[in-house]
Amino acid sequence: MLRIESIYWLVGGFLIVAAVFNARTRSWSTTTFWAVLACPFLFGEAILYTNSEGVRWPAQAMGVGVIALGVLAARGGLRTAVESAEIVQARRESARALGSRLFVPALSIPLLTLV
């Protein structure tokens, strides 16, 4: 039986993978952001359990993590990498070639939902 905790662990694992990929490119602010964001998904049940047992520090540490996420986002270090002119030009040519067909996937989702 699939439990909601399994979904949380899956999301937490995905966020850890994102952190690892950013660590490989030496983007330390972004790596820290994704790693801190993964903590409540991976350790949420343990934090709630210890909180119900009267141990407050894990929940307080998660509060510090939320503040750290705000500080990391406010510093502006989470921006994407600057792309080269060749990549930007190739993306524009691809968009020009696709034209209005570019919006077909985005518009088909609400249509299929309605149907």
PDB file of N, CA and C in Angstrom:
ATOM      1  N   MET A   1       0.835  -1.179   0.000  1.00  0.00           N
ATOM      2  CA  MET A   1       0.000   0.000   0.000  1.00  0.00           C
ATOM      3  C   MET A   1       0.877   1.238   0.000  1.00  0.00           C
ATOM      4  N   LEU A   2       0.559   2.155  -0.848  1.00  0.00           N
ATOM      5  CA  LEU A   2       1.318   3.390  -0.965  1.00  0.00           C
ATOM      6  C   LEU A   2       0.860   4.365   0.111  1.00  0.00           C
ATOM      7  N   ARG A   3       1.809   4.838   0.907  1.00  0.00           N
ATOM      8  CA  ARG A   3       1.506   5.803   1.963  1.00  0.00           C
ATOM      9  C   ARG A   3       2.051   7.160   1.549  1.00  0.00           C
ATOM     10  N   ILE A   4       1.508   8.200   2.173  1.00  0.00           N
ATOM     11  CA  ILE A   4       1.923   9.563   1.839  1.00  0.00           C
ATOM     12  C   ILE A   4       3.395   9.786   2.181  1.00  0.00           C
ATOM     13  N   GLU A   5       3.892   9.091   3.198  1.00  0.00           N
ATOM     14  CA  GLU A   5       5.300   9.232   3.561  1.00  0.00           C
ATOM     15  C   GLU A   5       6.210   8.798   2.420  1.00  0.00           C
ATOM     16  N   SER A   6       5.760   7.813   1.654  1.00  0.00           N
ATOM     17  CA  SER A   6       6.553   7.357   0.504  1.00  0.00           C
ATOM     18  C   SER A   6       6.694   8.466  -0.528  1.00  0.00           C
ATOM     19  N   ILE A   7       5.630   9.205  -0.725  1.00  0.00           N
ATOM     20  CA  ILE A   7       5.678  10.330  -1.666  1.00  0.00           C
ATOM     21  C   ILE A   7       6.616  11.410  -1.136  1.00  0.00           C
ATOM     22  N   TYR A   8       6.544  11.672   0.169  1.00  0.00           N
ATOM     23  CA  TYR A   8       7.447  12.658   0.764  1.00  0.00           C
ATOM     24  C   TYR A   8       8.905  12.232   0.600  1.00  0.00           C
ATOM     25  N   TRP A   9       9.188  10.962   0.810  1.00  0.00           N
ATOM     26  CA  TRP A   9      10.558  10.476   0.650  1.00  0.00           C
ATOM     27  C   TRP A   9      11.008  10.582  -0.802  1.00  0.00           C
ATOM     28  N   LEU A  10      10.099  10.316  -1.722  1.00  0.00           N
ATOM     29  CA  LEU A  10      10.425  10.435  -3.141  1.00  0.00           C
ATOM     30  C   LEU A  10      10.769  11.885  -3.493  1.00  0.00           C
ATOM     31  N   VAL A  11       9.961  12.823  -3.004  1.00  0.00           N
ATOM     32  CA  VAL A  11      10.235  14.248  -3.258  1.00  0.00           C
ATOM     33  C   VAL A  11      11.551  14.649  -2.592  1.00  0.00           C
ATOM     34  N   GLY A  12      11.780  14.180  -1.356  1.00  0.00           N
ATOM     35  CA  GLY A  12      13.034  14.477  -0.673  1.00  0.00           C
ATOM     36  C   GLY A  12      14.236  13.931  -1.424  1.00  0.00           C
ATOM     37  N   GLY A  13      14.101  12.718  -1.954  1.00  0.00           N
ATOM     38  CA  GLY A  13      15.185  12.142  -2.759  1.00  0.00           C
ATOM     39  C   GLY A  13      15.440  12.951  -4.016  1.00  0.00           C
ATOM     40  N   PHE A  14      14.377  13.402  -4.651  1.00  0.00           N
ATOM     41  CA  PHE A  14      14.522  14.247  -5.838  1.00  0.00           C
ATOM     42  C   PHE A  14      15.260  15.534  -5.502  1.00  0.00           C
ATOM     43  N   LEU A  15      14.928  16.140  -4.359  1.00  0.00           N
ATOM     44  CA  LEU A  15      15.592  17.376  -3.957  1.00  0.00           C
ATOM     45  C   LEU A  15      17.065  17.131  -3.626  1.00  0.00           C
ATOM     46  N   ILE A  16      17.377  15.981  -3.035  1.00  0.00           N
ATOM     47  CA  ILE A  16      18.782  15.645  -2.774  1.00  0.00           C
ATOM     48  C   ILE A  16      19.537  15.471  -4.090  1.00  0.00           C
ATOM     49  N   VAL A  17      18.905  14.842  -5.070  1.00  0.00           N
ATOM     50  CA  VAL A  17      19.547  14.694  -6.383  1.00  0.00           C
ATOM     51  C   VAL A  17      19.804  16.071  -6.996  1.00  0.00           C
ATOM     52  N   ALA A  18      18.847  16.988  -6.861  1.00  0.00           N
ATOM     53  CA  ALA A  18      19.049  18.352  -7.360  1.00  0.00           C
ATOM     54  C   ALA A  18      20.221  19.009  -6.648  1.00  0.00           C
ATOM     55  N   ALA A  19      20.331  18.780  -5.338  1.00  0.00           N
ATOM     56  CA  ALA A  19      21.456  19.347  -4.586  1.00  0.00           C
ATOM     57  C   ALA A  19      22.783  18.769  -5.065  1.00  0.00           C
ATOM     58  N   VAL A  20      22.804  17.475  -5.332  1.00  0.00           N
ATOM     59  CA  VAL A  20      24.046  16.835  -5.795  1.00  0.00           C
ATOM     60  C   VAL A  20      24.451  17.383  -7.167  1.00  0.00           C
ATOM     61  N   PHE A  21      23.477  17.542  -8.065  1.00  0.00           N
ATOM     62  CA  PHE A  21      23.807  18.092  -9.379  1.00  0.00           C
ATOM     63  C   PHE A  21      24.346  19.512  -9.279  1.00  0.00           C
ATOM     64  N   ASN A  22      23.790  20.302  -8.374  1.00  0.00           N
ATOM     65  CA  ASN A  22      24.307  21.659  -8.192  1.00  0.00           C
ATOM     66  C   ASN A  22      25.673  21.643  -7.520  1.00  0.00           C
ATOM     67  N   ALA A  23      25.926  20.664  -6.671  1.00  0.00           N
ATOM     68  CA  ALA A  23      27.248  20.555  -6.040  1.00  0.00           C
ATOM     69  C   ALA A  23      28.304  20.216  -7.086  1.00  0.00           C
ATOM     70  N   ARG A  24      27.915  19.442  -8.086  1.00  0.00           N
ATOM     71  CA  ARG A  24      28.871  19.089  -9.147  1.00  0.00           C
ATOM     72  C   ARG A  24      29.289  20.313  -9.957  1.00  0.00           C
ATOM     73  N   THR A  25      28.397  21.309 -10.056  1.00  0.00           N
ATOM     74  CA  THR A  25      28.737  22.530 -10.784  1.00  0.00           C
ATOM     75  C   THR A  25      29.272  23.616  -9.855  1.00  0.00           C
ATOM     76  N   ARG A  26      29.486  23.257  -8.589  1.00  0.00           N
ATOM     77  CA  ARG A  26      30.039  24.150  -7.574  1.00  0.00           C
ATOM     78  C   ARG A  26      29.171  25.382  -7.327  1.00  0.00           C
ATOM     79  N   SER A  27      27.871  25.184  -7.402  1.00  0.00           N
ATOM     80  CA  SER A  27      26.915  26.236  -7.076  1.00  0.00           C
ATOM     81  C   SER A  27      26.461  26.003  -5.636  1.00  0.00           C
ATOM     82  N   TRP A  28      27.254  26.502  -4.691  1.00  0.00           N
ATOM     83  CA  TRP A  28      27.080  26.127  -3.292  1.00  0.00           C
ATOM     84  C   TRP A  28      25.816  26.707  -2.672  1.00  0.00           C
ATOM     85  N   SER A  29      25.421  27.894  -3.036  1.00  0.00           N
ATOM     86  CA  SER A  29      24.188  28.465  -2.488  1.00  0.00           C
ATOM     87  C   SER A  29      22.981  27.635  -2.913  1.00  0.00           C
ATOM     88  N   THR A  30      22.934  27.271  -4.173  1.00  0.00           N
ATOM     89  CA  THR A  30      21.828  26.476  -4.674  1.00  0.00           C
ATOM     90  C   THR A  30      21.858  25.069  -4.091  1.00  0.00           C
ATOM     91  N   THR A  31      23.047  24.508  -3.934  1.00  0.00           N
ATOM     92  CA  THR A  31      23.178  23.190  -3.308  1.00  0.00           C
ATOM     93  C   THR A  31      22.633  23.214  -1.891  1.00  0.00           C
ATOM     94  N   THR A  32      22.994  24.227  -1.128  1.00  0.00           N
ATOM     95  CA  THR A  32      22.511  24.357   0.243  1.00  0.00           C
ATOM     96  C   THR A  32      20.998  24.534   0.273  1.00  0.00           C
ATOM     97  N   PHE A  33      20.472  25.328  -0.636  1.00  0.00           N
ATOM     98  CA  PHE A  33      19.031  25.560  -0.692  1.00  0.00           C
ATOM     99  C   PHE A  33      18.281  24.245  -0.884  1.00  0.00           C
ATOM    100  N   TRP A  34      18.677  23.453  -1.886  1.00  0.00           N
ATOM    101  CA  TRP A  34      17.970  22.202  -2.157  1.00  0.00           C
ATOM    102  C   TRP A  34      18.158  21.187  -1.038  1.00  0.00           C
ATOM    103  N   ALA A  35      19.332  21.156  -0.424  1.00  0.00           N
ATOM    104  CA  ALA A  35      19.575  20.210   0.665  1.00  0.00           C
ATOM    105  C   ALA A  35      18.735  20.558   1.893  1.00  0.00           C
ATOM    106  N   VAL A  36      18.656  21.838   2.234  1.00  0.00           N
ATOM    107  CA  VAL A  36      17.847  22.253   3.384  1.00  0.00           C
ATOM    108  C   VAL A  36      16.367  22.013   3.097  1.00  0.00           C
ATOM    109  N   LEU A  37      15.941  22.257   1.873  1.00  0.00           N
ATOM    110  CA  LEU A  37      14.552  22.038   1.502  1.00  0.00           C
ATOM    111  C   LEU A  37      14.192  20.551   1.542  1.00  0.00           C
ATOM    112  N   ALA A  38      15.149  19.673   1.303  1.00  0.00           N
ATOM    113  CA  ALA A  38      14.897  18.227   1.333  1.00  0.00           C
ATOM    114  C   ALA A  38      14.686  17.711   2.750  1.00  0.00           C
ATOM    115  N   CYS A  39      15.240  18.378   3.741  1.00  0.00           N
ATOM    116  CA  CYS A  39      15.176  17.892   5.130  1.00  0.00           C
ATOM    117  C   CYS A  39      13.759  17.674   5.648  1.00  0.00           C
ATOM    118  N   PRO A  40      12.818  18.607   5.509  1.00  0.00           N
ATOM    119  CA  PRO A  40      11.478  18.319   6.037  1.00  0.00           C
ATOM    120  C   PRO A  40      10.782  17.165   5.318  1.00  0.00           C
ATOM    121  N   PHE A  41      11.094  16.974   4.042  1.00  0.00           N
ATOM    122  CA  PHE A  41      10.494  15.860   3.321  1.00  0.00           C
ATOM    123  C   PHE A  41      11.057  14.523   3.796  1.00  0.00           C
ATOM    124  N   LEU A  42      12.353  14.487   4.049  1.00  0.00           N
ATOM    125  CA  LEU A  42      12.991  13.236   4.448  1.00  0.00           C
ATOM    126  C   LEU A  42      12.822  12.935   5.935  1.00  0.00           C
ATOM    127  N   PHE A  43      12.826  13.967   6.772  1.00  0.00           N
ATOM    128  CA  PHE A  43      12.817  13.759   8.221  1.00  0.00           C
ATOM    129  C   PHE A  43      11.561  14.292   8.897  1.00  0.00           C
ATOM    130  N   GLY A  44      10.528  14.597   8.141  1.00  0.00           N
ATOM    131  CA  GLY A  44       9.314  15.182   8.702  1.00  0.00           C
ATOM    132  C   GLY A  44       8.650  14.300   9.742  1.00  0.00           C
ATOM    133  N   GLU A  45       8.536  12.994   9.463  1.00  0.00           N
ATOM    134  CA  GLU A  45       7.916  12.080  10.422  1.00  0.00           C
ATOM    135  C   GLU A  45       8.720  12.023  11.714  1.00  0.00           C
ATOM    136  N   ALA A  46      10.035  11.970  11.601  1.00  0.00           N
ATOM    137  CA  ALA A  46      10.885  11.916  12.793  1.00  0.00           C
ATOM    138  C   ALA A  46      10.769  13.215  13.590  1.00  0.00           C
ATOM    139  N   ILE A  47      10.678  14.336  12.912  1.00  0.00           N
ATOM    140  CA  ILE A  47      10.536  15.627  13.596  1.00  0.00           C
ATOM    141  C   ILE A  47       9.205  15.681  14.343  1.00  0.00           C
ATOM    142  N   LEU A  48       8.139  15.226  13.695  1.00  0.00           N
ATOM    143  CA  LEU A  48       6.834  15.214  14.363  1.00  0.00           C
ATOM    144  C   LEU A  48       6.813  14.254  15.552  1.00  0.00           C
ATOM    145  N   TYR A  49       7.437  13.099  15.391  1.00  0.00           N
ATOM    146  CA  TYR A  49       7.478  12.125  16.480  1.00  0.00           C
ATOM    147  C   TYR A  49       8.240  12.671  17.684  1.00  0.00           C
ATOM    148  N   THR A  50       9.414  13.238  17.443  1.00  0.00           N
ATOM    149  CA  THR A  50      10.189  13.770  18.566  1.00  0.00           C
ATOM    150  C   THR A  50       9.481  14.960  19.210  1.00  0.00           C
ATOM    151  N   ASN A  51       8.768  15.731  18.413  1.00  0.00           N
ATOM    152  CA  ASN A  51       8.011  16.850  18.962  1.00  0.00           C
ATOM    153  C   ASN A  51       6.883  16.350  19.871  1.00  0.00           C
ATOM    154  N   SER A  52       6.217  15.262  19.481  1.00  0.00           N
ATOM    155  CA  SER A  52       5.154  14.711  20.324  1.00  0.00           C
ATOM    156  C   SER A  52       5.707  14.077  21.600  1.00  0.00           C
ATOM    157  N   GLU A  53       6.977  13.670  21.570  1.00  0.00           N
ATOM    158  CA  GLU A  53       7.622  13.106  22.748  1.00  0.00           C
ATOM    159  C   GLU A  53       8.189  14.185  23.667  1.00  0.00           C
ATOM    160  N   GLY A  54       8.101  15.432  23.265  1.00  0.00           N
ATOM    161  CA  GLY A  54       8.566  16.526  24.104  1.00  0.00           C
ATOM    162  C   GLY A  54       9.942  17.059  23.756  1.00  0.00           C
ATOM    163  N   VAL A  55      10.565  16.511  22.746  1.00  0.00           N
ATOM    164  CA  VAL A  55      11.882  16.992  22.317  1.00  0.00           C
ATOM    165  C   VAL A  55      11.646  18.067  21.257  1.00  0.00           C
ATOM    166  N   ARG A  56      12.027  19.288  21.551  1.00  0.00           N
ATOM    167  CA  ARG A  56      11.689  20.420  20.688  1.00  0.00           C
ATOM    168  C   ARG A  56      12.779  20.800  19.694  1.00  0.00           C
ATOM    169  N   TRP A  57      14.018  20.398  19.898  1.00  0.00           N
ATOM    170  CA  TRP A  57      15.095  20.929  19.074  1.00  0.00           C
ATOM    171  C   TRP A  57      15.004  20.536  17.598  1.00  0.00           C
ATOM    172  N   PRO A  58      14.503  19.341  17.210  1.00  0.00           N
ATOM    173  CA  PRO A  58      14.420  19.095  15.760  1.00  0.00           C
ATOM    174  C   PRO A  58      13.469  20.058  15.044  1.00  0.00           C
ATOM    175  N   ALA A  59      12.339  20.361  15.683  1.00  0.00           N
ATOM    176  CA  ALA A  59      11.405  21.310  15.073  1.00  0.00           C
ATOM    177  C   ALA A  59      12.014  22.707  15.034  1.00  0.00           C
ATOM    178  N   GLN A  60      12.760  23.059  16.077  1.00  0.00           N
ATOM    179  CA  GLN A  60      13.407  24.367  16.095  1.00  0.00           C
ATOM    180  C   GLN A  60      14.506  24.440  15.034  1.00  0.00           C
ATOM    181  N   ALA A  61      15.216  23.338  14.847  1.00  0.00           N
ATOM    182  CA  ALA A  61      16.243  23.299  13.797  1.00  0.00           C
ATOM    183  C   ALA A  61      15.599  23.461  12.427  1.00  0.00           C
ATOM    184  N   MET A  62      14.413  22.879  12.232  1.00  0.00           N
ATOM    185  CA  MET A  62      13.727  23.041  10.957  1.00  0.00           C
ATOM    186  C   MET A  62      13.275  24.481  10.778  1.00  0.00           C
ATOM    187  N   GLY A  63      12.901  25.163  11.876  1.00  0.00           N
ATOM    188  CA  GLY A  63      12.573  26.584  11.805  1.00  0.00           C
ATOM    189  C   GLY A  63      13.770  27.410  11.379  1.00  0.00           C
ATOM    190  N   VAL A  64      14.941  27.075  11.910  1.00  0.00           N
ATOM    191  CA  VAL A  64      16.175  27.742  11.491  1.00  0.00           C
ATOM    192  C   VAL A  64      16.432  27.464  10.012  1.00  0.00           C
ATOM    193  N   GLY A  65      16.107  26.236   9.567  1.00  0.00           N
ATOM    194  CA  GLY A  65      16.262  25.906   8.148  1.00  0.00           C
ATOM    195  C   GLY A  65      15.371  26.753   7.260  1.00  0.00           C
ATOM    196  N   VAL A  66      14.147  27.007   7.704  1.00  0.00           N
ATOM    197  CA  VAL A  66      13.238  27.857   6.929  1.00  0.00           C
ATOM    198  C   VAL A  66      13.787  29.279   6.839  1.00  0.00           C
ATOM    199  N   ILE A  67      14.320  29.771   7.937  1.00  0.00           N
ATOM    200  CA  ILE A  67      14.939  31.107   7.914  1.00  0.00           C
ATOM    201  C   ILE A  67      16.143  31.106   6.976  1.00  0.00           C
ATOM    202  N   ALA A  68      16.925  30.020   7.000  1.00  0.00           N
ATOM    203  CA  ALA A  68      18.088  29.911   6.103  1.00  0.00           C
ATOM    204  C   ALA A  68      17.650  29.915   4.643  1.00  0.00           C
ATOM    205  N   LEU A  69      16.529  29.256   4.331  1.00  0.00           N
ATOM    206  CA  LEU A  69      16.015  29.277   2.957  1.00  0.00           C
ATOM    207  C   LEU A  69      15.675  30.696   2.529  1.00  0.00           C
ATOM    208  N   GLY A  70      15.049  31.449   3.432  1.00  0.00           N
ATOM    209  CA  GLY A  70      14.727  32.840   3.124  1.00  0.00           C
ATOM    210  C   GLY A  70      15.963  33.685   2.898  1.00  0.00           C
ATOM    211  N   VAL A  71      16.980  33.473   3.729  1.00  0.00           N
ATOM    212  CA  VAL A  71      18.229  34.236   3.579  1.00  0.00           C
ATOM    213  C   VAL A  71      18.915  33.876   2.264  1.00  0.00           C
ATOM    214  N   LEU A  72      18.964  32.587   1.949  1.00  0.00           N
ATOM    215  CA  LEU A  72      19.594  32.169   0.685  1.00  0.00           C
ATOM    216  C   LEU A  72      18.861  32.748  -0.517  1.00  0.00           C
ATOM    217  N   ALA A  73      17.539  32.756  -0.468  1.00  0.00           N
ATOM    218  CA  ALA A  73      16.769  33.300  -1.583  1.00  0.00           C
ATOM    219  C   ALA A  73      16.933  34.814  -1.674  1.00  0.00           C
ATOM    220  N   ALA A  74      16.995  35.486  -0.532  1.00  0.00           N
ATOM    221  CA  ALA A  74      17.118  36.948  -0.534  1.00  0.00           C
ATOM    222  C   ALA A  74      18.497  37.407  -1.002  1.00  0.00           C
ATOM    223  N   ARG A  75      19.510  36.607  -0.785  1.00  0.00           N
ATOM    224  CA  ARG A  75      20.864  36.984  -1.215  1.00  0.00           C
ATOM    225  C   ARG A  75      20.996  37.045  -2.721  1.00  0.00           C
ATOM    226  N   GLY A  76      20.125  36.373  -3.437  1.00  0.00           N
ATOM    227  CA  GLY A  76      20.176  36.393  -4.897  1.00  0.00           C
ATOM    228  C   GLY A  76      21.155  35.410  -5.488  1.00  0.00           C
ATOM    229  N   GLY A  77      21.659  34.486  -4.705  1.00  0.00           N
ATOM    230  CA  GLY A  77      22.622  33.515  -5.212  1.00  0.00           C
ATOM    231  C   GLY A  77      21.993  32.305  -5.863  1.00  0.00           C
ATOM    232  N   LEU A  78      20.662  32.299  -6.011  1.00  0.00           N
ATOM    233  CA  LEU A  78      19.971  31.139  -6.578  1.00  0.00           C
ATOM    234  C   LEU A  78      19.654  31.323  -8.054  1.00  0.00           C
ATOM    235  N   ARG A  79      20.232  32.304  -8.653  1.00  0.00           N
ATOM    236  CA  ARG A  79      19.968  32.544 -10.065  1.00  0.00           C
ATOM    237  C   ARG A  79      20.574  31.441 -10.913  1.00  0.00           C
ATOM    238  N   THR A  80      19.989  31.254 -12.081  1.00  0.00           N
ATOM    239  CA  THR A  80      20.516  30.251 -12.996  1.00  0.00           C
ATOM    240  C   THR A  80      21.806  30.763 -13.627  1.00  0.00           C
ATOM    241  N   ALA A  81      22.556  29.856 -14.164  1.00  0.00           N
ATOM    242  CA  ALA A  81      23.826  30.213 -14.784  1.00  0.00           C
ATOM    243  C   ALA A  81      23.582  31.031 -16.052  1.00  0.00           C
ATOM    244  N   VAL A  82      24.508  31.884 -16.369  1.00  0.00           N
ATOM    245  CA  VAL A  82      24.418  32.696 -17.578  1.00  0.00           C
ATOM    246  C   VAL A  82      24.711  31.802 -18.780  1.00  0.00           C
ATOM    247  N   GLU A  83      23.815  31.866 -19.754  1.00  0.00           N
ATOM    248  CA  GLU A  83      23.978  31.033 -20.935  1.00  0.00           C
ATOM    249  C   GLU A  83      24.778  31.783 -21.996  1.00  0.00           C
ATOM    250  N   SER A  84      25.481  31.017 -22.806  1.00  0.00           N
ATOM    251  CA  SER A  84      26.271  31.629 -23.864  1.00  0.00           C
ATOM    252  C   SER A  84      25.351  32.124 -24.976  1.00  0.00           C
ATOM    253  N   ALA A  85      25.890  32.997 -25.805  1.00  0.00           N
ATOM    254  CA  ALA A  85      25.108  33.582 -26.902  1.00  0.00           C
ATOM    255  C   ALA A  85      24.681  32.517 -27.905  1.00  0.00           C
ATOM    256  N   GLU A  86      25.514  31.480 -28.084  1.00  0.00           N
ATOM    257  CA  GLU A  86      25.172  30.415 -29.036  1.00  0.00           C
ATOM    258  C   GLU A  86      23.946  29.635 -28.562  1.00  0.00           C
ATOM    259  N   ILE A  87      23.875  29.364 -27.263  1.00  0.00           N
ATOM    260  CA  ILE A  87      22.735  28.615 -26.725  1.00  0.00           C
ATOM    261  C   ILE A  87      21.457  29.441 -26.844  1.00  0.00           C
ATOM    262  N   VAL A  88      21.556  30.724 -26.536  1.00  0.00           N
ATOM    263  CA  VAL A  88      20.387  31.601 -26.638  1.00  0.00           C
ATOM    264  C   VAL A  88      19.921  31.679 -28.084  1.00  0.00           C
ATOM    265  N   GLN A  89      20.848  31.816 -29.018  1.00  0.00           N
ATOM    266  CA  GLN A  89      20.495  31.898 -30.437  1.00  0.00           C
ATOM    267  C   GLN A  89      19.863  30.596 -30.918  1.00  0.00           C
ATOM    268  N   ALA A  90      20.397  29.455 -30.501  1.00  0.00           N
ATOM    269  CA  ALA A  90      19.827  28.163 -30.886  1.00  0.00           C
ATOM    270  C   ALA A  90      18.419  28.003 -30.323  1.00  0.00           C
ATOM    271  N   ARG A  91      18.197  28.454 -29.100  1.00  0.00           N
ATOM    272  CA  ARG A  91      16.860  28.370 -28.490  1.00  0.00           C
ATOM    273  C   ARG A  91      15.872  29.247 -29.249  1.00  0.00           C
ATOM    274  N   ARG A  92      16.287  30.430 -29.659  1.00  0.00           N
ATOM    275  CA  ARG A  92      15.397  31.314 -30.420  1.00  0.00           C
ATOM    276  C   ARG A  92      15.063  30.725 -31.781  1.00  0.00           C
ATOM    277  N   GLU A  93      16.046  30.120 -32.440  1.00  0.00           N
ATOM    278  CA  GLU A  93      15.793  29.492 -33.737  1.00  0.00           C
ATOM    279  C   GLU A  93      14.837  28.319 -33.597  1.00  0.00           C
ATOM    280  N   SER A  94      14.995  27.540 -32.547  1.00  0.00           N
ATOM    281  CA  SER A  94      14.091  26.418 -32.302  1.00  0.00           C
ATOM    282  C   SER A  94      12.672  26.905 -32.046  1.00  0.00           C
ATOM    283  N   ALA A  95      12.522  27.967 -31.251  1.00  0.00           N
ATOM    284  CA  ALA A  95      11.202  28.524 -30.981  1.00  0.00           C
ATOM    285  C   ALA A  95      10.580  29.102 -32.249  1.00  0.00           C
ATOM    286  N   ARG A  96      11.404  29.734 -33.068  1.00  0.00           N
ATOM    287  CA  ARG A  96      10.910  30.295 -34.329  1.00  0.00           C
ATOM    288  C   ARG A  96      10.449  29.174 -35.258  1.00  0.00           C
ATOM    289  N   ALA A  97      11.176  28.053 -35.288  1.00  0.00           N
ATOM    290  CA  ALA A  97      10.801  26.936 -36.149  1.00  0.00           C
ATOM    291  C   ALA A  97       9.503  26.284 -35.676  1.00  0.00           C
ATOM    292  N   LEU A  98       9.332  26.186 -34.359  1.00  0.00           N
ATOM    293  CA  LEU A  98       8.111  25.562 -33.834  1.00  0.00           C
ATOM    294  C   LEU A  98       6.903  26.486 -33.946  1.00  0.00           C
ATOM    295  N   GLY A  99       7.122  27.780 -33.824  1.00  0.00           N
ATOM    296  CA  GLY A  99       6.040  28.747 -33.948  1.00  0.00           C
ATOM    297  C   GLY A  99       4.962  28.544 -32.899  1.00  0.00           C
ATOM    298  N   SER A 100       3.711  28.590 -33.328  1.00  0.00           N
ATOM    299  CA  SER A 100       2.580  28.464 -32.413  1.00  0.00           C
ATOM    300  C   SER A 100       2.420  27.035 -31.898  1.00  0.00           C
ATOM    301  N   ARG A 101       3.018  26.066 -32.575  1.00  0.00           N
ATOM    302  CA  ARG A 101       2.927  24.675 -32.111  1.00  0.00           C
ATOM    303  C   ARG A 101       3.587  24.499 -30.753  1.00  0.00           C
ATOM    304  N   LEU A 102       4.375  25.468 -30.349  1.00  0.00           N
ATOM    305  CA  LEU A 102       5.031  25.430 -29.056  1.00  0.00           C
ATOM    306  C   LEU A 102       4.026  25.385 -27.913  1.00  0.00           C
ATOM    307  N   PHE A 103       2.843  25.959 -28.115  1.00  0.00           N
ATOM    308  CA  PHE A 103       1.837  26.029 -27.062  1.00  0.00           C
ATOM    309  C   PHE A 103       0.889  24.832 -27.045  1.00  0.00           C
ATOM    310  N   VAL A 104       0.991  23.930 -27.989  1.00  0.00           N
ATOM    311  CA  VAL A 104       0.077  22.783 -28.057  1.00  0.00           C
ATOM    312  C   VAL A 104       0.137  21.929 -26.786  1.00  0.00           C
ATOM    313  N   PRO A 105       1.319  21.551 -26.271  1.00  0.00           N
ATOM    314  CA  PRO A 105       1.311  20.744 -25.041  1.00  0.00           C
ATOM    315  C   PRO A 105       0.688  21.486 -23.855  1.00  0.00           C
ATOM    316  N   ALA A 106       0.991  22.764 -23.713  1.00  0.00           N
ATOM    317  CA  ALA A 106       0.461  23.518 -22.590  1.00  0.00           C
ATOM    318  C   ALA A 106      -1.052  23.694 -22.682  1.00  0.00           C
ATOM    319  N   LEU A 107      -1.576  23.852 -23.874  1.00  0.00           N
ATOM    320  CA  LEU A 107      -3.014  24.039 -24.038  1.00  0.00           C
ATOM    321  C   LEU A 107      -3.765  22.711 -24.058  1.00  0.00           C
ATOM    322  N   SER A 108      -3.096  21.623 -24.366  1.00  0.00           N
ATOM    323  CA  SER A 108      -3.784  20.329 -24.395  1.00  0.00           C
ATOM    324  C   SER A 108      -4.057  19.805 -22.981  1.00  0.00           C
ATOM    325  N   ILE A 109      -3.281  20.209 -21.997  1.00  0.00           N
ATOM    326  CA  ILE A 109      -3.503  19.732 -20.627  1.00  0.00           C
ATOM    327  C   ILE A 109      -4.872  20.155 -20.098  1.00  0.00           C
ATOM    328  N   PRO A 110      -5.236  21.450 -20.157  1.00  0.00           N
ATOM    329  CA  PRO A 110      -6.594  21.790 -19.693  1.00  0.00           C
ATOM    330  C   PRO A 110      -7.683  21.171 -20.546  1.00  0.00           C
ATOM    331  N   LEU A 111      -7.441  21.041 -21.840  1.00  0.00           N
ATOM    332  CA  LEU A 111      -8.449  20.442 -22.723  1.00  0.00           C
ATOM    333  C   LEU A 111      -8.690  18.978 -22.352  1.00  0.00           C
ATOM    334  N   LEU A 112      -7.602  18.226 -22.131  1.00  0.00           N
ATOM    335  CA  LEU A 112      -7.748  16.837 -21.732  1.00  0.00           C
ATOM    336  C   LEU A 112      -8.364  16.706 -20.341  1.00  0.00           C
ATOM    337  N   THR A 113      -8.069  17.644 -19.466  1.00  0.00           N
ATOM    338  CA  THR A 113      -8.678  17.629 -18.139  1.00  0.00           C
ATOM    339  C   THR A 113     -10.171  17.869 -18.227  1.00  0.00           C
ATOM    340  N   LEU A 114     -10.578  18.777 -19.082  1.00  0.00           N
ATOM    341  CA  LEU A 114     -11.979  19.069 -19.280  1.00  0.00           C
ATOM    342  C   LEU A 114     -12.727  17.872 -19.861  1.00  0.00           C
ATOM    343  N   VAL A 115     -12.085  17.217 -20.827  1.00  0.00           N
ATOM    344  CA  VAL A 115     -12.718  16.043 -21.467  1.00  0.00           C
ATOM    345  C   VAL A 115     -12.832  14.933 -20.454  1.00  0.00           C
TER     346      VAL A 115
END
